[in-house]
N, C-alpha and C. Protein backbone atom coordinates (compact mmCIF):
# COMPACT_ATOMS: atom_id res chain seq x y z
N MET A 1 -56.68 152.57 -68.56
CA MET A 1 -57.04 153.33 -69.99
C MET A 1 -56.27 154.51 -70.11
N GLU A 2 -55.71 155.37 -69.18
CA GLU A 2 -55.60 156.52 -69.28
C GLU A 2 -53.95 156.44 -69.53
N ILE A 3 -53.43 155.53 -69.19
CA ILE A 3 -51.88 155.29 -69.37
C ILE A 3 -52.12 154.54 -71.23
N LEU A 4 -52.65 154.42 -71.50
CA LEU A 4 -52.73 153.73 -72.87
C LEU A 4 -52.83 155.37 -73.81
N ASP A 5 -53.94 155.92 -73.32
CA ASP A 5 -54.14 157.43 -74.06
C ASP A 5 -52.58 158.72 -73.77
N THR A 6 -52.08 158.22 -72.89
CA THR A 6 -50.91 158.80 -72.78
C THR A 6 -49.74 158.59 -73.64
N PHE A 7 -49.60 157.23 -73.71
CA PHE A 7 -48.76 156.56 -74.30
C PHE A 7 -48.93 156.63 -75.82
N GLY A 8 -50.19 156.66 -76.47
CA GLY A 8 -50.62 157.08 -77.55
C GLY A 8 -50.46 158.50 -77.97
N VAL A 9 -50.63 159.32 -77.18
CA VAL A 9 -50.23 160.84 -77.28
C VAL A 9 -48.69 161.11 -77.47
N TYR A 10 -48.22 160.51 -76.51
CA TYR A 10 -46.41 160.87 -76.51
C TYR A 10 -46.05 160.01 -77.91
N SER A 11 -46.60 158.92 -78.08
CA SER A 11 -46.27 158.06 -79.46
C SER A 11 -46.68 159.21 -80.70
N LEU A 12 -47.30 159.74 -80.46
CA LEU A 12 -48.01 160.89 -81.98
C LEU A 12 -46.77 161.50 -81.83
N VAL A 13 -46.70 162.29 -80.60
CA VAL A 13 -45.61 163.68 -80.57
C VAL A 13 -44.07 163.18 -80.98
N SER A 14 -43.80 161.82 -80.41
CA SER A 14 -42.67 161.49 -80.88
C SER A 14 -42.54 161.31 -82.59
N PHE A 15 -43.53 160.71 -83.09
CA PHE A 15 -43.91 160.35 -84.60
C PHE A 15 -43.74 161.92 -85.40
N LEU A 16 -44.30 162.86 -84.60
CA LEU A 16 -44.33 164.26 -85.22
C LEU A 16 -43.19 164.77 -85.32
N CYS A 17 -42.44 164.84 -84.37
CA CYS A 17 -41.11 165.35 -84.10
C CYS A 17 -39.85 164.53 -84.97
N LEU A 18 -40.12 163.27 -84.98
CA LEU A 18 -39.07 162.70 -86.02
C LEU A 18 -39.60 163.13 -87.33
N THR A 19 -40.67 163.13 -87.48
CA THR A 19 -41.29 163.63 -89.14
C THR A 19 -40.31 164.92 -89.30
N GLY A 20 -40.65 165.59 -88.28
CA GLY A 20 -40.21 167.16 -88.53
C GLY A 20 -38.49 167.28 -88.56
N PHE A 21 -37.84 166.29 -88.14
CA PHE A 21 -36.50 166.25 -88.02
C PHE A 21 -35.79 166.11 -89.53
N ILE A 22 -36.88 165.11 -89.77
CA ILE A 22 -36.26 164.32 -91.27
C ILE A 22 -36.91 165.31 -92.68
N LEU A 23 -37.71 165.95 -92.08
CA LEU A 23 -38.60 167.25 -93.37
C LEU A 23 -37.51 167.98 -93.23
N SER A 24 -36.74 168.36 -92.07
CA SER A 24 -35.96 169.89 -92.01
C SER A 24 -34.63 169.03 -92.90
N CYS A 25 -34.10 168.18 -92.86
CA CYS A 25 -33.08 167.46 -93.15
C CYS A 25 -33.36 167.44 -94.77
N LEU A 26 -34.44 167.58 -95.41
CA LEU A 26 -34.69 167.56 -96.81
C LEU A 26 -34.96 168.59 -97.15
N SER A 27 -34.70 169.92 -96.56
CA SER A 27 -34.87 171.24 -96.47
C SER A 27 -36.28 171.47 -96.73
N ILE A 28 -36.89 170.92 -96.04
CA ILE A 28 -38.65 171.00 -95.96
C ILE A 28 -38.87 171.60 -94.46
N SER A 29 -40.23 172.05 -94.55
CA SER A 29 -40.20 173.08 -93.24
C SER A 29 -40.61 171.83 -91.98
N GLY A 30 -40.12 171.41 -91.14
CA GLY A 30 -40.28 170.62 -90.43
C GLY A 30 -40.34 170.74 -88.95
N THR A 31 -39.98 172.29 -88.79
CA THR A 31 -40.50 172.85 -87.81
C THR A 31 -41.75 172.84 -87.29
N TRP A 32 -42.65 173.03 -88.61
CA TRP A 32 -43.94 173.29 -88.00
C TRP A 32 -44.87 171.54 -87.58
N PHE A 33 -43.93 170.95 -87.80
CA PHE A 33 -44.21 169.19 -87.29
C PHE A 33 -43.72 169.18 -85.93
N VAL A 34 -43.05 169.79 -85.68
CA VAL A 34 -42.50 169.92 -83.87
C VAL A 34 -43.49 171.06 -83.19
N LEU A 35 -43.80 172.09 -83.88
CA LEU A 35 -45.06 173.22 -83.57
C LEU A 35 -46.20 172.20 -83.16
N LEU A 36 -46.49 171.40 -84.01
CA LEU A 36 -48.00 170.53 -84.23
C LEU A 36 -47.66 169.64 -82.66
N ALA A 37 -46.53 168.94 -82.65
CA ALA A 37 -46.22 167.93 -81.54
C ALA A 37 -46.41 168.68 -80.56
N THR A 38 -45.95 169.86 -80.19
CA THR A 38 -45.90 170.88 -78.99
C THR A 38 -47.42 170.96 -78.70
N GLY A 39 -48.23 171.48 -79.62
CA GLY A 39 -49.56 171.66 -79.36
C GLY A 39 -50.23 170.67 -79.10
N LEU A 40 -50.09 169.30 -79.27
CA LEU A 40 -50.57 168.10 -78.95
C LEU A 40 -50.35 168.28 -77.60
N ALA A 41 -49.08 167.95 -77.16
CA ALA A 41 -48.76 167.59 -76.08
C ALA A 41 -49.26 168.85 -75.02
N SER A 42 -49.19 169.84 -75.60
CA SER A 42 -50.06 171.00 -74.48
C SER A 42 -51.69 170.91 -74.67
N TRP A 43 -52.15 170.57 -75.60
CA TRP A 43 -53.51 170.13 -75.34
C TRP A 43 -53.50 168.90 -74.10
N HIS A 44 -52.66 167.99 -74.08
CA HIS A 44 -52.88 166.65 -73.37
C HIS A 44 -52.33 166.62 -71.80
N ARG A 45 -51.73 168.24 -71.74
CA ARG A 45 -50.90 168.44 -70.25
C ARG A 45 -51.66 169.57 -70.08
N TRP A 46 -52.33 170.28 -70.54
CA TRP A 46 -52.73 171.42 -70.28
C TRP A 46 -53.28 171.46 -68.47
N PRO A 47 -52.76 172.47 -67.83
CA PRO A 47 -52.06 173.43 -68.10
C PRO A 47 -50.56 173.51 -67.82
N ALA A 48 -50.12 172.36 -67.65
CA ALA A 48 -48.43 171.98 -67.22
C ALA A 48 -47.63 172.29 -68.73
N PHE A 49 -46.41 172.30 -68.71
CA PHE A 49 -45.20 172.60 -69.92
C PHE A 49 -45.94 171.22 -70.80
N PRO A 50 -46.15 171.79 -72.38
CA PRO A 50 -45.63 173.13 -72.96
C PRO A 50 -47.03 173.72 -72.67
N ASN A 51 -46.64 175.01 -72.39
CA ASN A 51 -47.56 176.39 -72.33
C ASN A 51 -47.49 177.03 -73.25
N ILE A 52 -48.61 178.15 -73.27
CA ILE A 52 -48.83 179.02 -74.26
C ILE A 52 -47.67 179.63 -74.79
N LYS A 53 -46.88 180.09 -73.61
CA LYS A 53 -45.59 180.82 -73.80
C LYS A 53 -44.69 179.69 -74.77
N THR A 54 -44.63 178.38 -74.55
CA THR A 54 -44.21 177.57 -75.58
C THR A 54 -44.54 177.86 -76.85
N LEU A 55 -45.63 177.44 -77.06
CA LEU A 55 -46.31 177.48 -78.42
C LEU A 55 -45.99 178.53 -79.35
N ILE A 56 -46.02 179.96 -78.57
CA ILE A 56 -45.68 181.13 -79.26
C ILE A 56 -44.61 181.42 -79.45
N PHE A 57 -43.39 180.85 -78.83
CA PHE A 57 -41.81 181.02 -79.13
C PHE A 57 -41.40 179.78 -80.19
N PHE A 58 -42.18 178.76 -80.08
CA PHE A 58 -42.09 177.96 -81.23
C PHE A 58 -42.62 178.51 -82.61
N LEU A 59 -44.00 179.06 -82.68
CA LEU A 59 -44.45 179.72 -83.59
C LEU A 59 -44.02 180.67 -84.23
N ILE A 60 -43.10 181.50 -83.44
CA ILE A 60 -41.95 182.62 -83.87
C ILE A 60 -40.79 182.09 -84.55
N LEU A 61 -40.59 181.31 -83.97
CA LEU A 61 -39.29 180.23 -84.72
C LEU A 61 -39.68 179.47 -86.09
N CYS A 62 -40.85 179.09 -86.26
CA CYS A 62 -41.32 178.41 -87.53
C CYS A 62 -41.36 179.49 -88.19
N ILE A 63 -41.85 180.95 -88.11
CA ILE A 63 -41.98 181.88 -88.99
C ILE A 63 -40.69 182.28 -89.41
N LEU A 64 -39.85 182.42 -88.50
CA LEU A 64 -38.49 182.80 -88.81
C LEU A 64 -37.71 182.09 -89.83
N VAL A 65 -37.89 180.56 -89.54
CA VAL A 65 -37.23 179.96 -90.51
C VAL A 65 -37.96 179.84 -92.16
N GLU A 66 -38.90 180.10 -92.03
CA GLU A 66 -39.75 180.15 -93.07
C GLU A 66 -39.01 181.18 -94.14
N VAL A 67 -39.09 182.16 -93.29
CA VAL A 67 -38.46 183.68 -94.01
C VAL A 67 -37.42 183.31 -94.47
N ALA A 68 -36.14 183.03 -93.22
CA ALA A 68 -34.71 182.61 -93.63
C ALA A 68 -34.72 181.91 -95.31
N GLU A 69 -35.60 180.63 -94.98
CA GLU A 69 -35.34 179.95 -96.18
C GLU A 69 -35.75 180.20 -97.43
N ASN A 70 -36.54 181.02 -97.51
CA ASN A 70 -37.64 181.57 -98.76
C ASN A 70 -36.77 182.62 -99.41
N PHE A 71 -35.75 183.37 -98.53
CA PHE A 71 -34.71 184.57 -99.04
C PHE A 71 -33.43 183.73 -99.06
N SER A 72 -33.11 182.81 -98.58
CA SER A 72 -31.68 182.67 -98.37
C SER A 72 -30.78 182.63 -99.91
N SER A 73 -31.46 182.14 -100.77
CA SER A 73 -30.91 182.11 -102.51
C SER A 73 -31.02 183.74 -102.61
N ILE A 74 -31.89 184.12 -102.40
CA ILE A 74 -31.78 185.75 -103.23
C ILE A 74 -30.60 186.59 -102.00
N TRP A 75 -30.73 186.03 -100.79
CA TRP A 75 -29.51 186.94 -100.18
C TRP A 75 -28.39 186.39 -100.55
N GLY A 76 -28.10 185.15 -101.06
CA GLY A 76 -26.66 185.08 -101.19
C GLY A 76 -26.01 185.38 -102.48
N VAL A 77 -27.02 185.49 -103.38
CA VAL A 77 -26.61 185.95 -104.69
C VAL A 77 -26.80 187.57 -104.49
N GLU A 78 -27.64 188.22 -103.87
CA GLU A 78 -27.38 189.79 -103.69
C GLU A 78 -25.73 190.08 -102.86
N ARG A 79 -25.64 189.09 -101.99
CA ARG A 79 -24.23 189.51 -101.41
C ARG A 79 -23.00 189.42 -102.32
N ALA A 80 -23.33 188.47 -103.14
CA ALA A 80 -22.44 187.94 -104.20
C ALA A 80 -22.46 189.14 -105.49
N LYS A 81 -23.06 190.43 -105.21
CA LYS A 81 -23.18 191.12 -106.52
C LYS A 81 -24.04 190.52 -107.52
N GLY A 82 -24.87 189.78 -107.50
CA GLY A 82 -25.53 189.18 -108.24
C GLY A 82 -26.91 189.70 -108.49
N SER A 83 -27.59 189.46 -109.35
CA SER A 83 -29.08 190.03 -110.00
C SER A 83 -29.93 189.62 -109.09
N LYS A 84 -31.60 190.02 -108.94
CA LYS A 84 -32.37 189.36 -108.06
C LYS A 84 -32.83 188.06 -108.89
N ALA A 85 -32.80 188.18 -110.50
CA ALA A 85 -33.32 187.09 -111.27
C ALA A 85 -32.41 185.92 -110.76
N ALA A 86 -31.39 185.95 -110.89
CA ALA A 86 -30.27 184.96 -110.34
C ALA A 86 -30.84 184.13 -108.98
N GLY A 87 -31.29 185.27 -108.03
CA GLY A 87 -31.82 184.85 -106.73
C GLY A 87 -32.72 183.80 -106.95
N TRP A 88 -33.77 184.29 -107.65
CA TRP A 88 -35.03 183.66 -108.15
C TRP A 88 -34.58 182.47 -108.78
N GLY A 89 -33.80 182.29 -109.69
CA GLY A 89 -32.90 181.34 -110.38
C GLY A 89 -32.80 180.19 -109.57
N ALA A 90 -31.86 180.94 -108.42
CA ALA A 90 -31.45 179.82 -107.53
C ALA A 90 -32.44 179.23 -106.85
N MET A 91 -33.34 179.67 -106.30
CA MET A 91 -34.84 179.36 -105.65
C MET A 91 -35.29 178.19 -106.27
N GLY A 92 -35.65 178.68 -107.41
CA GLY A 92 -36.10 177.56 -108.23
C GLY A 92 -35.47 176.66 -108.51
N GLY A 93 -33.99 176.47 -109.09
CA GLY A 93 -33.43 175.46 -109.46
C GLY A 93 -33.17 174.36 -108.15
N GLY A 94 -33.07 175.26 -106.70
CA GLY A 94 -32.94 174.47 -105.59
C GLY A 94 -34.26 173.21 -105.52
N PHE A 95 -35.61 174.15 -105.87
CA PHE A 95 -36.65 173.24 -105.98
C PHE A 95 -36.43 172.01 -106.98
N VAL A 96 -36.42 172.67 -107.74
CA VAL A 96 -36.09 171.28 -109.03
C VAL A 96 -35.01 170.12 -108.92
N GLY A 97 -33.89 170.82 -108.24
CA GLY A 97 -32.78 169.90 -107.67
C GLY A 97 -33.36 169.02 -106.81
N MET A 98 -34.22 169.50 -105.71
CA MET A 98 -34.54 168.66 -104.65
C MET A 98 -34.98 167.50 -105.12
N ILE A 99 -36.30 167.79 -106.23
CA ILE A 99 -37.03 166.75 -106.79
C ILE A 99 -36.20 165.76 -107.46
N LEU A 100 -35.06 166.15 -108.54
CA LEU A 100 -34.34 165.47 -109.39
C LEU A 100 -33.38 164.64 -108.78
N GLY A 101 -32.98 165.39 -107.41
CA GLY A 101 -31.83 164.41 -106.80
C GLY A 101 -32.83 163.42 -105.99
N GLY A 102 -33.19 163.53 -105.66
CA GLY A 102 -34.30 162.62 -105.07
C GLY A 102 -34.75 161.10 -105.85
N ILE A 103 -34.72 161.55 -106.99
CA ILE A 103 -34.80 160.50 -108.55
C ILE A 103 -33.61 159.87 -108.39
N PHE A 104 -32.48 160.64 -109.24
CA PHE A 104 -31.27 160.45 -109.95
C PHE A 104 -30.17 159.89 -108.66
N VAL A 105 -30.52 160.28 -107.66
CA VAL A 105 -29.93 159.60 -106.17
C VAL A 105 -30.51 159.14 -105.51
N PRO A 106 -30.99 157.98 -105.15
CA PRO A 106 -32.10 157.59 -104.57
C PRO A 106 -31.61 157.06 -103.12
N ILE A 107 -30.73 157.77 -102.51
CA ILE A 107 -30.36 157.44 -101.19
C ILE A 107 -31.24 158.54 -100.45
N PRO A 108 -32.14 158.07 -99.54
CA PRO A 108 -33.16 159.11 -98.88
C PRO A 108 -32.06 160.33 -98.19
N VAL A 109 -32.78 161.14 -98.47
CA VAL A 109 -32.27 162.66 -97.87
C VAL A 109 -30.71 163.14 -98.83
N VAL A 110 -29.79 162.23 -98.48
CA VAL A 110 -28.46 162.77 -99.73
C VAL A 110 -28.93 163.09 -101.05
N GLY A 111 -29.84 162.40 -101.54
CA GLY A 111 -30.18 162.77 -103.00
C GLY A 111 -30.65 164.06 -102.93
N ASN A 112 -31.61 164.52 -102.35
CA ASN A 112 -32.16 165.52 -101.92
C ASN A 112 -31.33 166.59 -101.94
N LEU A 113 -30.57 166.92 -100.58
CA LEU A 113 -29.55 167.60 -100.35
C LEU A 113 -28.98 168.01 -101.54
N LEU A 114 -28.17 167.01 -102.14
CA LEU A 114 -27.22 167.25 -103.32
C LEU A 114 -28.05 167.85 -104.72
N GLY A 115 -29.47 167.64 -104.55
CA GLY A 115 -29.99 168.16 -105.79
C GLY A 115 -30.42 169.72 -105.30
N ILE A 116 -30.63 169.78 -104.16
CA ILE A 116 -30.80 171.50 -104.09
C ILE A 116 -29.65 172.17 -104.30
N MET A 117 -28.39 171.37 -103.66
CA MET A 117 -27.23 172.27 -103.49
C MET A 117 -27.12 172.72 -105.07
N LEU A 118 -26.88 171.49 -105.82
CA LEU A 118 -26.54 171.71 -107.50
C LEU A 118 -27.52 172.57 -108.02
N GLY A 119 -29.06 172.28 -107.83
CA GLY A 119 -30.02 173.26 -108.45
C GLY A 119 -29.97 174.27 -108.12
N SER A 120 -29.52 174.92 -106.85
CA SER A 120 -29.28 176.12 -106.32
C SER A 120 -27.93 176.85 -107.41
N PHE A 121 -27.08 176.39 -107.18
CA PHE A 121 -25.73 176.47 -107.81
C PHE A 121 -26.29 176.91 -109.69
N LEU A 122 -26.85 175.90 -110.19
CA LEU A 122 -27.16 175.90 -111.76
C LEU A 122 -27.92 176.90 -112.12
N GLY A 123 -28.65 176.99 -110.76
CA GLY A 123 -29.98 177.91 -111.36
C GLY A 123 -29.54 179.39 -111.45
N ALA A 124 -28.85 179.72 -110.49
CA ALA A 124 -28.07 181.12 -110.06
C ALA A 124 -26.87 181.33 -111.52
N PHE A 125 -26.24 180.13 -111.47
CA PHE A 125 -25.20 180.14 -112.44
C PHE A 125 -25.76 180.74 -114.16
N PHE A 126 -26.75 179.90 -114.32
CA PHE A 126 -27.06 180.10 -115.77
C PHE A 126 -28.13 181.49 -115.71
N VAL A 127 -28.70 182.05 -114.86
CA VAL A 127 -29.42 182.88 -114.96
C VAL A 127 -28.43 184.24 -114.84
N GLU A 128 -27.75 184.05 -114.38
CA GLU A 128 -26.19 185.42 -113.71
C GLU A 128 -25.53 185.17 -115.21
N TYR A 129 -25.22 183.97 -116.12
CA TYR A 129 -24.57 183.94 -116.99
C TYR A 129 -25.05 184.55 -118.50
N LYS A 130 -26.51 184.33 -118.25
CA LYS A 130 -27.20 184.74 -119.36
C LYS A 130 -27.14 186.39 -119.63
N LYS A 131 -27.51 186.84 -118.34
CA LYS A 131 -27.71 188.40 -118.17
C LYS A 131 -26.45 189.03 -118.10
N ILE A 132 -25.10 188.27 -117.55
CA ILE A 132 -23.77 189.33 -117.86
C ILE A 132 -23.04 188.98 -119.09
N LYS A 133 -23.20 187.48 -119.08
CA LYS A 133 -21.85 186.97 -119.92
C LYS A 133 -20.54 187.13 -119.56
N LYS A 134 -20.59 186.72 -118.29
CA LYS A 134 -18.98 187.04 -117.55
C LYS A 134 -19.03 185.32 -116.36
N THR A 135 -18.23 184.84 -116.87
CA THR A 135 -18.43 183.18 -116.30
C THR A 135 -17.77 183.39 -114.77
N HIS A 136 -16.76 184.20 -114.89
CA HIS A 136 -16.23 184.17 -113.43
C HIS A 136 -17.17 184.67 -112.32
N HIS A 137 -17.75 186.07 -112.77
CA HIS A 137 -18.86 186.63 -112.26
C HIS A 137 -20.00 185.50 -111.57
N ALA A 138 -20.72 185.16 -112.93
CA ALA A 138 -21.80 184.10 -112.44
C ALA A 138 -21.38 182.80 -111.63
N LEU A 139 -19.93 182.24 -111.73
CA LEU A 139 -19.77 181.17 -110.58
C LEU A 139 -19.38 181.84 -109.02
N LYS A 140 -19.48 183.12 -109.00
CA LYS A 140 -19.17 183.68 -107.91
C LYS A 140 -20.67 183.78 -106.95
N VAL A 141 -21.23 184.09 -108.23
CA VAL A 141 -22.74 184.44 -107.95
C VAL A 141 -23.53 183.16 -107.31
N ALA A 142 -23.36 182.15 -108.27
CA ALA A 142 -23.69 180.70 -107.88
C ALA A 142 -23.15 180.23 -106.57
N ASN A 143 -21.95 180.17 -106.44
CA ASN A 143 -21.06 180.15 -105.16
C ASN A 143 -21.88 180.58 -103.88
N GLY A 144 -22.46 181.94 -104.11
CA GLY A 144 -23.11 182.62 -102.90
C GLY A 144 -24.48 182.13 -102.72
N ALA A 145 -24.95 181.72 -103.87
CA ALA A 145 -26.34 181.44 -103.89
C ALA A 145 -26.37 179.68 -103.00
N MET A 146 -25.36 179.03 -103.10
CA MET A 146 -25.30 177.47 -102.57
C MET A 146 -25.14 177.59 -101.60
N LEU A 147 -23.98 178.39 -100.97
CA LEU A 147 -23.44 178.36 -99.71
C LEU A 147 -24.66 179.33 -98.41
N ALA A 148 -25.46 180.15 -99.18
CA ALA A 148 -26.38 180.54 -98.32
C ALA A 148 -27.50 179.43 -97.99
N ARG A 149 -27.69 178.66 -98.73
CA ARG A 149 -28.74 177.74 -99.11
C ARG A 149 -28.19 176.63 -97.96
N ILE A 150 -26.96 176.34 -98.04
CA ILE A 150 -26.31 175.35 -96.91
C ILE A 150 -26.53 175.90 -95.85
N PHE A 151 -26.26 177.15 -95.10
CA PHE A 151 -26.08 177.83 -94.25
C PHE A 151 -27.46 177.75 -93.42
N VAL A 152 -28.58 177.95 -94.34
CA VAL A 152 -30.00 177.99 -94.04
C VAL A 152 -30.67 176.46 -93.45
N LEU A 153 -30.09 175.86 -94.36
CA LEU A 153 -30.55 174.26 -94.19
C LEU A 153 -29.89 173.77 -92.63
N VAL A 154 -28.50 174.19 -92.36
CA VAL A 154 -27.91 173.44 -90.98
C VAL A 154 -28.50 174.51 -90.16
N LEU A 155 -29.29 176.01 -90.46
CA LEU A 155 -29.63 176.70 -89.41
C LEU A 155 -31.13 176.13 -89.01
N LYS A 156 -31.62 175.56 -90.02
CA LYS A 156 -33.25 174.68 -89.78
C LYS A 156 -33.18 173.45 -89.21
N ILE A 157 -32.10 172.77 -89.52
CA ILE A 157 -31.81 171.75 -88.82
C ILE A 157 -31.74 171.79 -87.18
N GLU A 158 -30.92 172.63 -86.88
CA GLU A 158 -30.42 173.05 -85.56
C GLU A 158 -31.69 173.68 -84.86
N ILE A 159 -32.35 174.58 -85.31
CA ILE A 159 -33.47 174.81 -84.88
C ILE A 159 -34.76 173.96 -84.34
N THR A 160 -35.17 173.00 -85.41
CA THR A 160 -35.59 171.89 -85.22
C THR A 160 -35.45 171.02 -84.26
N LEU A 161 -33.79 170.63 -84.25
CA LEU A 161 -33.22 169.85 -82.88
C LEU A 161 -33.41 170.52 -81.95
N LEU A 162 -33.26 171.88 -81.87
CA LEU A 162 -33.65 172.71 -80.60
C LEU A 162 -34.91 172.68 -79.78
N MET A 163 -35.97 172.65 -80.79
CA MET A 163 -37.49 172.54 -80.63
C MET A 163 -37.78 171.09 -79.98
N ILE A 164 -36.95 170.33 -80.60
CA ILE A 164 -37.54 168.77 -79.90
C ILE A 164 -36.83 168.78 -78.49
N LEU A 165 -35.51 169.39 -78.62
CA LEU A 165 -34.96 169.05 -77.26
C LEU A 165 -35.91 169.89 -76.16
N VAL A 166 -35.95 170.91 -76.31
CA VAL A 166 -36.67 171.61 -75.38
C VAL A 166 -38.07 170.87 -75.01
N LEU A 167 -38.97 170.58 -76.00
CA LEU A 167 -39.86 170.10 -75.72
C LEU A 167 -39.76 168.66 -74.87
N ALA A 168 -38.72 167.75 -75.37
CA ALA A 168 -38.36 166.60 -74.60
C ALA A 168 -38.18 166.70 -73.06
N ILE A 169 -36.91 167.80 -73.08
CA ILE A 169 -36.66 168.10 -71.55
C ILE A 169 -38.00 168.34 -70.71
N GLY A 170 -38.80 169.38 -71.57
CA GLY A 170 -40.06 169.94 -70.53
C GLY A 170 -41.00 168.99 -70.45
N LEU A 171 -41.11 167.73 -71.30
CA LEU A 171 -42.18 166.79 -70.73
C LEU A 171 -41.43 165.57 -69.92
N VAL A 172 -40.09 165.76 -69.76
CA VAL A 172 -39.79 164.82 -68.79
C VAL A 172 -39.48 165.28 -67.66
N ILE A 173 -39.37 166.51 -67.63
CA ILE A 173 -38.91 167.28 -66.04
C ILE A 173 -40.56 167.33 -65.84
């Protein structure tokens, strides 16, 4: 009976990690699912790995990823000398783009990612252009917003994979 319980727990841990990875690829916070998987594994294996230090470390990573993601568009816009309003436009445009991209490009993950990039770009461009009326400057700002979103998306995927790898190696060892 204990073998079945262990198999069930590890199956759920694996499912949560896979879900976390997929969500991170969609620019949704998948790191929290990996933290949840780690908590479940910790509860099942207590006091062995993963321990409280692992949980705290993963929690800090989750929070840092959230902060980076929420402000990536704004940071990219400000770095390109754009307005705060353009940063918020990029943020909102990325969210709308994620939804519309999934609808108009029905390829899982691909449509959402394309939508996020295009939405961030267009949101920043239109807000900045409306404010300044200079196409070249608005394009520079929009490009900064889009590149920042891409950078943070890659960072989020890498951190999610790192968390999964640490968890997997710790559970096997």
